[in-house]
């Protein structure tokens, strides 16, 4: 009987060790996935969030806080955590859109300007989706994307296009003048 007890003990220890190894592997894989998602957020100028409509629990990734010029996890997370940063001309519309998305459980795709905590103007795109967690609670999840650089490039392109059009018009006038003088 003592041998049977020892066998059971060894089997239990082996099973526990096997589970520990499996847990460590899963933990390592989870850490790699987390590192990859953080890298992707930094490189794309974006950050994710989710909001549980049943519990009102909210989560914003560190990168969302950085987009708004705030220390990561430096503000209390809720549905309207960052509304105060929205440009005053757009704040009510953004707040209303978030509320409608929440009440009606609808996806959202909006663009707006913000003033970061250090006073910089940024152009933000917010895209959300509604999904359900494992216990059936509606979740609003989404991504904030900094489009400031893209907007600046679009503005530069419009200016260059306008200059090119002016140059073409001037060239046309010169050609017309030269043709009339011949």
N, C-alpha and C. Protein backbone atom coordinates (compact mmCIF):
# COMPACT_ATOMS: atom_id res chain seq x y z
N UNK A 1 0.82 -1.20 0.00
CA UNK A 1 0.00 0.00 0.00
C UNK A 1 0.86 1.25 0.00
N UNK A 2 1.99 1.19 0.66
CA UNK A 2 2.91 2.32 0.69
C UNK A 2 3.44 2.62 -0.71
N UNK A 3 3.68 1.59 -1.51
CA UNK A 3 4.15 1.77 -2.89
C UNK A 3 3.06 2.44 -3.71
N UNK A 4 1.80 2.03 -3.52
CA UNK A 4 0.67 2.65 -4.23
C UNK A 4 0.54 4.11 -3.86
N UNK A 5 0.72 4.44 -2.61
CA UNK A 5 0.65 5.83 -2.17
C UNK A 5 1.75 6.66 -2.81
N UNK A 6 2.94 6.10 -2.86
CA UNK A 6 4.07 6.78 -3.46
C UNK A 6 3.84 6.98 -4.95
N UNK A 7 3.30 5.94 -5.61
CA UNK A 7 2.98 6.07 -7.03
C UNK A 7 1.97 7.19 -7.26
N UNK A 8 0.93 7.24 -6.46
CA UNK A 8 -0.09 8.28 -6.59
C UNK A 8 0.51 9.65 -6.36
N UNK A 9 1.40 9.74 -5.37
CA UNK A 9 2.05 11.02 -5.09
C UNK A 9 2.92 11.45 -6.27
N UNK A 10 3.69 10.53 -6.79
CA UNK A 10 4.55 10.84 -7.92
C UNK A 10 3.72 11.21 -9.15
N UNK A 11 2.63 10.49 -9.38
CA UNK A 11 1.77 10.80 -10.51
C UNK A 11 1.17 12.19 -10.36
N UNK A 12 0.74 12.52 -9.15
CA UNK A 12 0.18 13.84 -8.88
C UNK A 12 1.24 14.92 -9.10
N UNK A 13 2.46 14.70 -8.58
CA UNK A 13 3.54 15.66 -8.77
C UNK A 13 3.89 15.82 -10.24
N UNK A 14 3.90 14.69 -10.96
CA UNK A 14 4.20 14.75 -12.39
C UNK A 14 3.12 15.55 -13.11
N UNK A 15 1.86 15.30 -12.81
CA UNK A 15 0.75 16.01 -13.44
C UNK A 15 0.82 17.50 -13.12
N UNK A 16 1.14 17.83 -11.86
CA UNK A 16 1.28 19.24 -11.48
C UNK A 16 2.44 19.89 -12.22
N UNK A 17 3.54 19.21 -12.34
CA UNK A 17 4.71 19.75 -13.05
C UNK A 17 4.38 19.95 -14.53
N UNK A 18 3.67 18.96 -15.10
CA UNK A 18 3.26 19.06 -16.50
C UNK A 18 2.35 20.28 -16.70
N UNK A 19 1.42 20.49 -15.77
CA UNK A 19 0.51 21.64 -15.85
C UNK A 19 1.29 22.95 -15.70
N UNK A 20 2.28 22.97 -14.81
CA UNK A 20 3.11 24.17 -14.63
C UNK A 20 3.85 24.51 -15.91
N UNK A 21 4.39 23.48 -16.57
CA UNK A 21 5.10 23.71 -17.83
C UNK A 21 4.14 24.23 -18.89
N UNK A 22 2.96 23.64 -18.98
CA UNK A 22 1.94 24.09 -19.94
C UNK A 22 1.54 25.53 -19.64
N UNK A 23 1.32 25.83 -18.35
CA UNK A 23 0.95 27.19 -17.96
C UNK A 23 2.04 28.18 -18.34
N UNK A 24 3.30 27.81 -18.13
CA UNK A 24 4.42 28.70 -18.47
C UNK A 24 4.50 28.93 -19.98
N UNK A 25 4.27 27.87 -20.76
CA UNK A 25 4.28 28.01 -22.21
C UNK A 25 3.16 28.97 -22.65
N UNK A 26 1.97 28.77 -22.10
CA UNK A 26 0.84 29.63 -22.45
C UNK A 26 1.11 31.06 -22.02
N UNK A 27 1.70 31.24 -20.84
CA UNK A 27 2.04 32.56 -20.36
C UNK A 27 3.07 33.22 -21.29
N UNK A 28 4.05 32.44 -21.72
CA UNK A 28 5.05 32.97 -22.66
C UNK A 28 4.42 33.37 -23.98
N UNK A 29 3.50 32.56 -24.49
CA UNK A 29 2.82 32.88 -25.74
C UNK A 29 1.97 34.14 -25.58
N UNK A 30 1.28 34.25 -24.45
CA UNK A 30 0.45 35.43 -24.18
C UNK A 30 1.31 36.68 -24.11
N UNK A 31 2.47 36.58 -23.46
CA UNK A 31 3.37 37.73 -23.38
C UNK A 31 3.86 38.13 -24.76
N UNK A 32 4.18 37.15 -25.60
CA UNK A 32 4.63 37.46 -26.97
C UNK A 32 3.52 38.16 -27.75
N UNK A 33 2.28 37.70 -27.60
CA UNK A 33 1.15 38.33 -28.28
C UNK A 33 0.96 39.76 -27.79
N UNK A 34 1.08 39.95 -26.49
CA UNK A 34 0.93 41.28 -25.91
C UNK A 34 2.03 42.21 -26.40
N UNK A 35 3.25 41.73 -26.45
CA UNK A 35 4.36 42.54 -26.96
C UNK A 35 4.13 42.91 -28.42
N UNK A 36 3.64 41.96 -29.22
CA UNK A 36 3.39 42.22 -30.64
C UNK A 36 2.29 43.26 -30.81
N UNK A 37 1.24 43.17 -30.02
CA UNK A 37 0.14 44.13 -30.14
C UNK A 37 0.60 45.53 -29.69
N UNK A 38 1.42 45.60 -28.65
CA UNK A 38 1.94 46.90 -28.21
C UNK A 38 2.84 47.52 -29.28
N UNK A 39 3.67 46.69 -29.90
CA UNK A 39 4.54 47.16 -30.98
C UNK A 39 3.69 47.68 -32.13
N UNK A 40 2.67 46.94 -32.50
CA UNK A 40 1.79 47.36 -33.61
C UNK A 40 1.09 48.68 -33.28
N UNK A 41 0.64 48.84 -32.06
CA UNK A 41 0.00 50.10 -31.66
C UNK A 41 0.96 51.27 -31.82
N UNK A 42 2.18 51.12 -31.31
CA UNK A 42 3.15 52.21 -31.39
C UNK A 42 3.47 52.56 -32.84
N UNK A 43 3.67 51.55 -33.67
CA UNK A 43 4.06 51.78 -35.05
C UNK A 43 2.92 52.36 -35.89
N UNK A 44 1.69 52.09 -35.54
CA UNK A 44 0.55 52.59 -36.32
C UNK A 44 -0.09 53.83 -35.71
N UNK A 45 0.40 54.29 -34.57
CA UNK A 45 -0.19 55.46 -33.92
C UNK A 45 -1.63 55.21 -33.52
N UNK A 46 -1.87 54.04 -32.96
CA UNK A 46 -3.23 53.69 -32.58
C UNK A 46 -3.26 53.06 -31.20
N UNK A 47 -4.45 52.98 -30.63
CA UNK A 47 -4.63 52.35 -29.34
C UNK A 47 -6.03 51.78 -29.25
N UNK A 48 -6.17 50.71 -28.48
CA UNK A 48 -7.46 50.04 -28.38
C UNK A 48 -8.15 50.31 -27.04
N UNK A 49 -9.45 50.06 -27.06
CA UNK A 49 -10.22 50.16 -25.81
C UNK A 49 -11.39 49.19 -25.88
N UNK A 50 -11.96 48.91 -24.72
CA UNK A 50 -13.24 48.21 -24.68
C UNK A 50 -14.05 48.75 -23.51
N UNK A 51 -15.36 48.60 -23.63
CA UNK A 51 -16.29 49.05 -22.60
C UNK A 51 -17.37 47.99 -22.46
N UNK A 52 -17.55 47.47 -21.25
CA UNK A 52 -18.59 46.49 -20.97
C UNK A 52 -19.87 47.24 -20.65
N UNK A 53 -20.91 47.08 -21.48
CA UNK A 53 -22.14 47.85 -21.30
C UNK A 53 -22.93 47.40 -20.08
N UNK A 54 -22.69 46.18 -19.60
CA UNK A 54 -23.41 45.68 -18.43
C UNK A 54 -22.76 46.13 -17.12
N UNK A 55 -21.43 46.04 -17.05
CA UNK A 55 -20.73 46.36 -15.81
C UNK A 55 -20.15 47.76 -15.80
N UNK A 56 -20.11 48.40 -16.97
CA UNK A 56 -19.50 49.72 -17.17
C UNK A 56 -17.99 49.72 -16.93
N UNK A 57 -17.40 48.54 -16.94
CA UNK A 57 -15.94 48.44 -16.84
C UNK A 57 -15.35 48.87 -18.17
N UNK A 58 -14.31 49.68 -18.10
CA UNK A 58 -13.65 50.16 -19.32
C UNK A 58 -12.15 49.89 -19.23
N UNK A 59 -11.55 49.70 -20.38
CA UNK A 59 -10.11 49.53 -20.48
C UNK A 59 -9.63 50.31 -21.69
N UNK A 60 -8.55 51.06 -21.50
CA UNK A 60 -7.86 51.75 -22.59
C UNK A 60 -6.41 51.32 -22.55
N UNK A 61 -5.86 50.96 -23.70
CA UNK A 61 -4.44 50.58 -23.74
C UNK A 61 -3.59 51.81 -23.43
N UNK A 62 -2.36 51.56 -23.04
CA UNK A 62 -1.43 52.65 -22.73
C UNK A 62 -1.28 53.61 -23.91
N UNK A 63 -1.35 53.07 -25.11
CA UNK A 63 -1.15 53.91 -26.30
C UNK A 63 -2.28 54.93 -26.48
N UNK A 64 -3.50 54.59 -26.06
CA UNK A 64 -4.59 55.56 -26.13
C UNK A 64 -4.26 56.75 -25.23
N UNK A 65 -3.79 56.48 -24.03
CA UNK A 65 -3.40 57.55 -23.12
C UNK A 65 -2.31 58.41 -23.75
N UNK A 66 -1.35 57.77 -24.40
CA UNK A 66 -0.26 58.52 -25.04
C UNK A 66 -0.79 59.40 -26.18
N UNK A 67 -1.75 58.89 -26.95
CA UNK A 67 -2.34 59.69 -28.03
C UNK A 67 -2.91 61.00 -27.50
N UNK A 68 -3.46 60.94 -26.31
CA UNK A 68 -4.07 62.11 -25.69
C UNK A 68 -3.08 62.89 -24.82
N UNK A 69 -1.82 62.46 -24.81
CA UNK A 69 -0.79 63.18 -24.07
C UNK A 69 -0.87 63.00 -22.56
N UNK A 70 -1.39 61.85 -22.15
CA UNK A 70 -1.59 61.58 -20.72
C UNK A 70 -0.71 60.39 -20.32
N UNK A 71 -0.25 60.39 -19.08
CA UNK A 71 0.52 59.26 -18.55
C UNK A 71 -0.34 58.00 -18.65
N UNK A 72 0.23 56.90 -19.19
CA UNK A 72 -0.55 55.67 -19.31
C UNK A 72 -1.24 55.28 -18.01
N UNK A 73 -2.51 54.98 -18.14
CA UNK A 73 -3.39 54.59 -17.03
C UNK A 73 -3.50 55.70 -15.99
N UNK A 74 -3.25 56.94 -16.41
CA UNK A 74 -3.27 58.08 -15.51
C UNK A 74 -4.64 58.69 -15.25
N UNK A 75 -5.67 58.20 -15.94
CA UNK A 75 -7.03 58.69 -15.74
C UNK A 75 -7.95 57.52 -15.42
N UNK A 76 -9.02 57.80 -14.71
CA UNK A 76 -10.03 56.79 -14.42
C UNK A 76 -10.72 56.39 -15.72
N UNK A 77 -10.71 55.11 -16.05
CA UNK A 77 -11.27 54.64 -17.31
C UNK A 77 -12.79 54.48 -17.23
N UNK A 78 -13.48 55.16 -18.14
CA UNK A 78 -14.93 55.01 -18.32
C UNK A 78 -15.24 55.38 -19.76
N UNK A 79 -16.50 55.29 -20.16
CA UNK A 79 -16.86 55.51 -21.56
C UNK A 79 -16.43 56.88 -22.06
N UNK A 80 -16.51 57.89 -21.20
CA UNK A 80 -16.22 59.27 -21.62
C UNK A 80 -14.87 59.79 -21.11
N UNK A 81 -13.93 58.91 -20.81
CA UNK A 81 -12.64 59.31 -20.25
C UNK A 81 -11.98 60.43 -21.03
N UNK A 82 -12.02 60.37 -22.35
CA UNK A 82 -11.24 61.30 -23.16
C UNK A 82 -12.08 62.38 -23.85
N UNK A 83 -13.36 62.45 -23.56
CA UNK A 83 -14.23 63.44 -24.23
C UNK A 83 -13.78 64.87 -23.93
N UNK A 84 -13.28 65.12 -22.76
CA UNK A 84 -12.86 66.48 -22.40
C UNK A 84 -11.70 66.98 -23.28
N UNK A 85 -10.97 66.07 -23.93
CA UNK A 85 -9.86 66.45 -24.81
C UNK A 85 -10.33 66.82 -26.22
N UNK A 86 -11.57 66.45 -26.56
CA UNK A 86 -12.09 66.70 -27.90
C UNK A 86 -12.23 68.21 -28.11
N UNK A 87 -11.89 68.65 -29.32
CA UNK A 87 -12.00 70.07 -29.68
C UNK A 87 -13.40 70.57 -29.32
N UNK A 88 -13.50 71.76 -28.70
CA UNK A 88 -14.81 72.26 -28.25
C UNK A 88 -15.87 72.30 -29.36
N UNK A 89 -15.46 72.56 -30.60
CA UNK A 89 -16.41 72.61 -31.70
C UNK A 89 -17.01 71.25 -32.02
N UNK A 90 -16.36 70.19 -31.59
CA UNK A 90 -16.79 68.83 -31.94
C UNK A 90 -17.19 67.99 -30.72
N UNK A 91 -16.97 68.53 -29.54
CA UNK A 91 -17.16 67.75 -28.31
C UNK A 91 -18.58 67.20 -28.15
N UNK A 92 -19.59 68.05 -28.34
CA UNK A 92 -20.97 67.58 -28.16
C UNK A 92 -21.32 66.48 -29.16
N UNK A 93 -20.89 66.64 -30.40
CA UNK A 93 -21.18 65.63 -31.43
C UNK A 93 -20.51 64.31 -31.09
N UNK A 94 -19.27 64.35 -30.62
CA UNK A 94 -18.55 63.12 -30.26
C UNK A 94 -19.23 62.48 -29.06
N UNK A 95 -19.56 63.26 -28.05
CA UNK A 95 -20.23 62.72 -26.86
C UNK A 95 -21.56 62.06 -27.26
N UNK A 96 -22.33 62.75 -28.11
CA UNK A 96 -23.62 62.20 -28.55
C UNK A 96 -23.43 60.90 -29.34
N UNK A 97 -22.42 60.87 -30.21
CA UNK A 97 -22.16 59.67 -31.00
C UNK A 97 -21.79 58.49 -30.10
N UNK A 98 -20.96 58.75 -29.09
CA UNK A 98 -20.61 57.68 -28.14
C UNK A 98 -21.83 57.19 -27.38
N UNK A 99 -22.67 58.11 -26.96
CA UNK A 99 -23.89 57.75 -26.23
C UNK A 99 -24.83 56.92 -27.10
N UNK A 100 -25.01 57.33 -28.35
CA UNK A 100 -25.88 56.59 -29.26
C UNK A 100 -25.31 55.18 -29.50
N UNK A 101 -24.02 55.09 -29.70
CA UNK A 101 -23.38 53.79 -29.90
C UNK A 101 -23.62 52.90 -28.69
N UNK A 102 -23.50 53.48 -27.50
CA UNK A 102 -23.70 52.74 -26.26
C UNK A 102 -25.16 52.31 -26.10
N UNK A 103 -26.09 53.26 -26.21
CA UNK A 103 -27.51 52.96 -25.98
C UNK A 103 -28.08 51.99 -27.01
N UNK A 104 -27.70 52.19 -28.27
CA UNK A 104 -28.27 51.37 -29.33
C UNK A 104 -27.40 50.17 -29.70
N UNK A 105 -26.23 50.09 -29.07
CA UNK A 105 -25.27 49.03 -29.34
C UNK A 105 -24.97 48.95 -30.84
N UNK A 106 -24.55 50.10 -31.37
CA UNK A 106 -24.22 50.24 -32.78
C UNK A 106 -22.73 50.54 -32.95
N UNK A 107 -22.15 50.08 -34.05
CA UNK A 107 -20.75 50.45 -34.33
C UNK A 107 -20.66 51.94 -34.67
N UNK A 108 -19.47 52.46 -34.54
CA UNK A 108 -19.24 53.89 -34.73
C UNK A 108 -17.97 54.08 -35.55
N UNK A 109 -17.99 55.09 -36.42
CA UNK A 109 -16.81 55.45 -37.20
C UNK A 109 -16.83 56.97 -37.34
N UNK A 110 -16.02 57.65 -36.53
CA UNK A 110 -16.02 59.11 -36.55
C UNK A 110 -14.59 59.65 -36.56
N UNK A 111 -14.47 60.88 -37.03
CA UNK A 111 -13.19 61.59 -37.01
C UNK A 111 -13.42 62.91 -36.27
N UNK A 112 -12.42 63.29 -35.48
CA UNK A 112 -12.54 64.53 -34.72
C UNK A 112 -11.15 65.01 -34.33
N UNK A 113 -11.10 66.24 -33.86
CA UNK A 113 -9.84 66.82 -33.40
C UNK A 113 -9.80 66.80 -31.88
N UNK A 114 -8.59 66.70 -31.36
CA UNK A 114 -8.39 66.79 -29.92
C UNK A 114 -7.28 67.78 -29.62
N UNK A 115 -7.29 68.26 -28.39
CA UNK A 115 -6.15 68.99 -27.84
C UNK A 115 -5.56 68.08 -26.78
N UNK A 116 -4.31 67.68 -26.96
CA UNK A 116 -3.68 66.78 -26.00
C UNK A 116 -3.44 67.53 -24.69
N UNK A 117 -3.06 66.79 -23.67
CA UNK A 117 -2.81 67.38 -22.36
C UNK A 117 -1.73 68.46 -22.44
N UNK A 118 -0.78 68.31 -23.39
CA UNK A 118 0.27 69.32 -23.53
C UNK A 118 -0.05 70.34 -24.62
N UNK A 119 -1.32 70.39 -25.07
CA UNK A 119 -1.78 71.45 -25.95
C UNK A 119 -1.64 71.22 -27.45
N UNK A 120 -1.15 70.05 -27.87
CA UNK A 120 -1.01 69.78 -29.30
C UNK A 120 -2.38 69.46 -29.91
N UNK A 121 -2.56 69.88 -31.15
CA UNK A 121 -3.78 69.55 -31.89
C UNK A 121 -3.53 68.27 -32.67
N UNK A 122 -4.43 67.30 -32.51
CA UNK A 122 -4.32 66.03 -33.24
C UNK A 122 -5.65 65.71 -33.89
N UNK A 123 -5.56 64.99 -35.00
CA UNK A 123 -6.74 64.49 -35.69
C UNK A 123 -6.86 63.00 -35.37
N UNK A 124 -8.02 62.61 -34.87
CA UNK A 124 -8.23 61.25 -34.40
C UNK A 124 -9.38 60.61 -35.17
N UNK A 125 -9.21 59.34 -35.46
CA UNK A 125 -10.31 58.55 -36.01
C UNK A 125 -10.65 57.50 -34.95
N UNK A 126 -11.94 57.34 -34.69
CA UNK A 126 -12.40 56.33 -33.74
C UNK A 126 -13.32 55.37 -34.48
N UNK A 127 -12.97 54.10 -34.44
CA UNK A 127 -13.78 53.06 -35.06
C UNK A 127 -14.11 52.03 -33.99
N UNK A 128 -15.41 51.72 -33.84
CA UNK A 128 -15.83 50.77 -32.81
C UNK A 128 -16.65 49.64 -33.43
N UNK A 129 -16.80 48.60 -32.66
CA UNK A 129 -17.65 47.47 -33.01
C UNK A 129 -18.32 47.00 -31.73
N UNK A 130 -19.45 46.37 -31.88
CA UNK A 130 -20.15 45.79 -30.73
C UNK A 130 -20.01 44.28 -30.83
N UNK A 131 -19.64 43.66 -29.74
CA UNK A 131 -19.51 42.21 -29.69
C UNK A 131 -19.94 41.75 -28.31
N UNK A 132 -19.95 40.46 -28.08
CA UNK A 132 -20.41 39.92 -26.81
C UNK A 132 -19.30 39.08 -26.19
N UNK A 133 -19.12 39.25 -24.86
CA UNK A 133 -18.10 38.47 -24.17
C UNK A 133 -18.61 37.06 -23.90
N UNK A 134 -17.82 36.26 -23.21
CA UNK A 134 -18.17 34.85 -22.99
C UNK A 134 -19.43 34.65 -22.17
N UNK A 135 -19.83 35.64 -21.38
CA UNK A 135 -21.06 35.51 -20.59
C UNK A 135 -22.23 36.25 -21.22
N UNK A 136 -22.06 36.69 -22.46
CA UNK A 136 -23.16 37.28 -23.20
C UNK A 136 -23.37 38.77 -22.99
N UNK A 137 -22.45 39.44 -22.33
CA UNK A 137 -22.59 40.88 -22.11
C UNK A 137 -22.10 41.65 -23.34
N UNK A 138 -22.85 42.68 -23.71
CA UNK A 138 -22.47 43.49 -24.87
C UNK A 138 -21.23 44.31 -24.52
N UNK A 139 -20.29 44.29 -25.44
CA UNK A 139 -19.04 45.03 -25.29
C UNK A 139 -18.90 45.98 -26.47
N UNK A 140 -18.43 47.18 -26.20
CA UNK A 140 -18.06 48.10 -27.27
C UNK A 140 -16.54 48.12 -27.27
N UNK A 141 -15.98 47.73 -28.37
CA UNK A 141 -14.53 47.72 -28.49
C UNK A 141 -14.14 48.56 -29.68
N UNK A 142 -12.97 49.13 -29.63
CA UNK A 142 -12.58 49.96 -30.75
C UNK A 142 -11.13 50.34 -30.75
N UNK A 143 -10.83 51.18 -31.73
CA UNK A 143 -9.46 51.64 -31.91
C UNK A 143 -9.47 53.14 -32.17
N UNK A 144 -8.58 53.83 -31.49
CA UNK A 144 -8.31 55.26 -31.74
C UNK A 144 -7.08 55.30 -32.63
N UNK A 145 -7.16 56.05 -33.74
CA UNK A 145 -6.03 56.15 -34.66
C UNK A 145 -5.66 57.62 -34.82
N UNK A 146 -4.38 57.93 -34.63
CA UNK A 146 -3.88 59.29 -34.82
C UNK A 146 -3.67 59.52 -36.31
N UNK A 147 -4.46 60.40 -36.89
CA UNK A 147 -4.36 60.71 -38.32
C UNK A 147 -3.72 62.07 -38.57
N UNK A 148 -3.08 62.64 -37.57
CA UNK A 148 -2.51 63.97 -37.67
C UNK A 148 -1.50 64.07 -38.81
N UNK A 149 -0.58 63.14 -38.88
CA UNK A 149 0.45 63.20 -39.92
C UNK A 149 -0.18 63.04 -41.31
N UNK A 150 -1.12 62.13 -41.42
CA UNK A 150 -1.80 61.93 -42.70
C UNK A 150 -2.54 63.20 -43.13
N UNK A 151 -3.21 63.85 -42.19
CA UNK A 151 -3.91 65.09 -42.50
C UNK A 151 -2.94 66.18 -42.94
N UNK A 152 -1.79 66.27 -42.29
CA UNK A 152 -0.79 67.27 -42.67
C UNK A 152 -0.29 67.00 -44.08
N UNK A 153 -0.06 65.74 -44.40
CA UNK A 153 0.40 65.39 -45.75
C UNK A 153 -0.69 65.71 -46.79
N UNK A 154 -1.94 65.47 -46.45
CA UNK A 154 -3.04 65.79 -47.36
C UNK A 154 -3.10 67.30 -47.60
N UNK A 155 -2.90 68.08 -46.55
CA UNK A 155 -2.89 69.54 -46.68
C UNK A 155 -1.74 69.98 -47.57
N UNK A 156 -0.55 69.42 -47.35
CA UNK A 156 0.60 69.75 -48.19
C UNK A 156 0.32 69.39 -49.65
N UNK A 157 -0.31 68.27 -49.88
CA UNK A 157 -0.63 67.85 -51.24
C UNK A 157 -1.60 68.82 -51.90
N UNK A 158 -2.61 69.28 -51.15
CA UNK A 158 -3.56 70.27 -51.70
C UNK A 158 -2.85 71.57 -52.05
N UNK A 159 -1.93 72.02 -51.20
CA UNK A 159 -1.17 73.25 -51.46
C UNK A 159 -0.33 73.08 -52.72
N UNK A 160 0.35 71.95 -52.84
CA UNK A 160 1.17 71.69 -54.03
C UNK A 160 0.31 71.59 -55.28
N UNK A 161 -0.86 70.96 -55.17
CA UNK A 161 -1.77 70.88 -56.31
C UNK A 161 -2.23 72.27 -56.74
N UNK A 162 -2.52 73.14 -55.77
CA UNK A 162 -2.94 74.51 -56.08
C UNK A 162 -1.80 75.27 -56.77
N UNK A 163 -0.58 75.10 -56.27
CA UNK A 163 0.57 75.77 -56.89
C UNK A 163 0.79 75.25 -58.32
N UNK A 164 0.64 73.97 -58.50
CA UNK A 164 0.79 73.38 -59.83
C UNK A 164 -0.27 73.93 -60.77
N UNK A 165 -1.49 74.05 -60.30
CA UNK A 165 -2.57 74.60 -61.12
C UNK A 165 -2.27 76.06 -61.49
N UNK A 166 -1.76 76.83 -60.52
CA UNK A 166 -1.39 78.21 -60.80
C UNK A 166 -0.27 78.27 -61.85
N UNK A 167 0.71 77.39 -61.72
CA UNK A 167 1.82 77.34 -62.67
C UNK A 167 1.34 76.98 -64.07
N UNK A 168 0.42 76.02 -64.13
CA UNK A 168 -0.13 75.65 -65.44
C UNK A 168 -0.90 76.81 -66.07
N UNK A 169 -1.65 77.50 -65.21
CA UNK A 169 -2.44 78.65 -65.70
C UNK A 169 -1.49 79.74 -66.20
N UNK A 170 -0.44 80.02 -65.47
CA UNK A 170 0.54 81.02 -65.88
C UNK A 170 1.23 80.61 -67.19
N UNK A 171 1.59 79.34 -67.28
CA UNK A 171 2.21 78.83 -68.50
C UNK A 171 1.27 78.97 -69.69
N UNK A 172 0.00 78.66 -69.46
CA UNK A 172 -0.99 78.80 -70.53
C UNK A 172 -1.11 80.25 -70.97
N UNK A 173 -1.11 81.17 -69.99
CA UNK A 173 -1.20 82.60 -70.32
C UNK A 173 0.03 83.04 -71.13
N UNK A 174 1.22 82.57 -70.71
CA UNK A 174 2.44 82.90 -71.44
C UNK A 174 2.41 82.34 -72.86
N UNK A 175 1.93 81.13 -73.00
CA UNK A 175 1.83 80.54 -74.34
C UNK A 175 0.84 81.32 -75.22
N UNK A 176 -0.26 81.73 -74.60
CA UNK A 176 -1.26 82.51 -75.35
C UNK A 176 -0.70 83.86 -75.75
N UNK A 177 0.05 84.50 -74.84
CA UNK A 177 0.65 85.81 -75.13
C UNK A 177 1.70 85.68 -76.22
N UNK A 178 2.54 84.66 -76.12
CA UNK A 178 3.58 84.44 -77.12
C UNK A 178 2.95 84.11 -78.48
N UNK A 179 1.88 83.37 -78.48
CA UNK A 179 1.21 83.04 -79.72
C UNK A 179 0.53 84.23 -80.36
N UNK A 180 0.04 85.13 -79.55
CA UNK A 180 -0.65 86.33 -80.07
C UNK A 180 0.37 87.31 -80.64
N UNK A 181 1.59 87.31 -80.12
CA UNK A 181 2.62 88.24 -80.56
C UNK A 181 3.32 87.78 -81.84
N UNK A 182 3.13 86.56 -82.26
CA UNK A 182 3.84 86.06 -83.43
C UNK A 182 3.25 86.56 -84.71
